Amino acid sequence: MNRYQMIEVVKELLEVLNRKKITPNEARSIGEIFKESIEECNKRGVQDYMSTGEFHGDPPKA
């Protein structure tokens, strides 16, 4: 996904906040909760990968 596509997603999210008449403080809290949720999902994803993924390392250089 490129930057333009990411900005389009942000615009969509802002439209939802506007439609629901979210206050700036509520929007900030929602953003923090959203960020925490993403970080937790990424953390679980890494843990799953570390447990089930395949290692592809190169030998050390002499």
C-alpha atoms as a PDB file:
ATOM      1  CA  MET A   1       0.000   0.000   0.000  1.00  0.00           C
ATOM      2  CA  ASN A   2       1.448   3.353  -0.956  1.00  0.00           C
ATOM      3  CA  ARG A   3       1.131   6.666   0.897  1.00  0.00           C
ATOM      4  CA  TYR A   4      -1.757   7.885  -1.255  1.00  0.00           C
ATOM      5  CA  GLN A   5      -3.750   4.735  -0.468  1.00  0.00           C
ATOM      6  CA  MET A   6      -2.995   5.144   3.240  1.00  0.00           C
ATOM      7  CA  ILE A   7      -4.238   8.734   3.148  1.00  0.00           C
ATOM      8  CA  GLU A   8      -7.442   7.518   1.503  1.00  0.00           C
ATOM      9  CA  VAL A   9      -7.966   5.072   4.388  1.00  0.00           C
ATOM     10  CA  VAL A  10      -7.424   7.901   6.882  1.00  0.00           C
ATOM     11  CA  LYS A  11     -10.006   9.997   5.028  1.00  0.00           C
ATOM     12  CA  GLU A  12     -12.505   7.138   5.297  1.00  0.00           C
ATOM     13  CA  LEU A  13     -11.836   6.786   9.025  1.00  0.00           C
ATOM     14  CA  LEU A  14     -12.273  10.538   9.516  1.00  0.00           C
ATOM     15  CA  GLU A  15     -15.585  10.385   7.650  1.00  0.00           C
ATOM     16  CA  VAL A  16     -16.790   7.733  10.100  1.00  0.00           C
ATOM     17  CA  LEU A  17     -15.746   9.875  13.072  1.00  0.00           C
ATOM     18  CA  ASN A  18     -17.509  12.907  11.576  1.00  0.00           C
ATOM     19  CA  ARG A  19     -20.654  10.927  10.781  1.00  0.00           C
ATOM     20  CA  LYS A  20     -20.813   9.677  14.372  1.00  0.00           C
ATOM     21  CA  LYS A  21     -20.246  13.218  15.702  1.00  0.00           C
ATOM     22  CA  ILE A  22     -17.167  12.207  17.704  1.00  0.00           C
ATOM     23  CA  THR A  23     -15.529  14.974  19.749  1.00  0.00           C
ATOM     24  CA  PRO A  24     -11.810  15.723  19.320  1.00  0.00           C
ATOM     25  CA  ASN A  25     -11.062  14.159  22.736  1.00  0.00           C
ATOM     26  CA  GLU A  26     -13.058  11.047  21.858  1.00  0.00           C
ATOM     27  CA  ALA A  27     -11.267  10.862  18.504  1.00  0.00           C
ATOM     28  CA  ARG A  28      -7.912  11.003  20.289  1.00  0.00           C
ATOM     29  CA  SER A  29      -8.967   8.204  22.659  1.00  0.00           C
ATOM     30  CA  ILE A  30     -10.283   6.117  19.774  1.00  0.00           C
ATOM     31  CA  GLY A  31      -6.967   6.634  17.956  1.00  0.00           C
ATOM     32  CA  GLU A  32      -5.002   5.482  20.996  1.00  0.00           C
ATOM     33  CA  ILE A  33      -7.190   2.391  21.438  1.00  0.00           C
ATOM     34  CA  PHE A  34      -6.864   1.654  17.711  1.00  0.00           C
ATOM     35  CA  LYS A  35      -3.068   1.979  17.881  1.00  0.00           C
ATOM     36  CA  GLU A  36      -2.892  -0.307  20.945  1.00  0.00           C
ATOM     37  CA  SER A  37      -5.074  -2.889  19.189  1.00  0.00           C
ATOM     38  CA  ILE A  38      -2.838  -2.854  16.119  1.00  0.00           C
ATOM     39  CA  GLU A  39       0.314  -3.176  18.228  1.00  0.00           C
ATOM     40  CA  GLU A  40      -1.201  -6.135  20.114  1.00  0.00           C
ATOM     41  CA  CYS A  41      -2.176  -7.841  16.839  1.00  0.00           C
ATOM     42  CA  ASN A  42       1.324  -7.278  15.445  1.00  0.00           C
ATOM     43  CA  LYS A  43       2.858  -8.634  18.658  1.00  0.00           C
ATOM     44  CA  ARG A  44       0.718 -11.783  18.450  1.00  0.00           C
ATOM     45  CA  GLY A  45       1.564 -12.115  14.765  1.00  0.00           C
ATOM     46  CA  VAL A  46       5.287 -12.004  15.515  1.00  0.00           C
ATOM     47  CA  GLN A  47       4.865 -14.540  18.324  1.00  0.00           C
ATOM     48  CA  ASP A  48       2.953 -16.864  15.993  1.00  0.00           C
ATOM     49  CA  TYR A  49       5.604 -16.446  13.304  1.00  0.00           C
ATOM     50  CA  MET A  50       8.409 -17.122  15.787  1.00  0.00           C
ATOM     51  CA  SER A  51       6.630 -20.319  16.881  1.00  0.00           C
ATOM     52  CA  THR A  52       5.522 -21.613  13.506  1.00  0.00           C
ATOM     53  CA  GLY A  53       7.602 -19.815  10.868  1.00  0.00           C
ATOM     54  CA  GLU A  54      10.627 -21.162   9.097  1.00  0.00           C
ATOM     55  CA  PHE A  55      14.065 -19.706   9.814  1.00  0.00           C
ATOM     56  CA  HIS A  56      15.958 -18.413   6.777  1.00  0.00           C
ATOM     57  CA  GLY A  57      19.257 -17.147   8.130  1.00  0.00           C
ATOM     58  CA  ASP A  58      22.615 -16.825   6.427  1.00  0.00           C
ATOM     59  CA  PRO A  59      25.809 -18.167   8.007  1.00  0.00           C
ATOM     60  CA  PRO A  60      28.097 -15.591   9.618  1.00  0.00           C
ATOM     61  CA  LYS A  61      30.734 -14.013   7.414  1.00  0.00           C
ATOM     62  CA  ALA A  62      34.328 -14.872   8.211  1.00  0.00           C
END
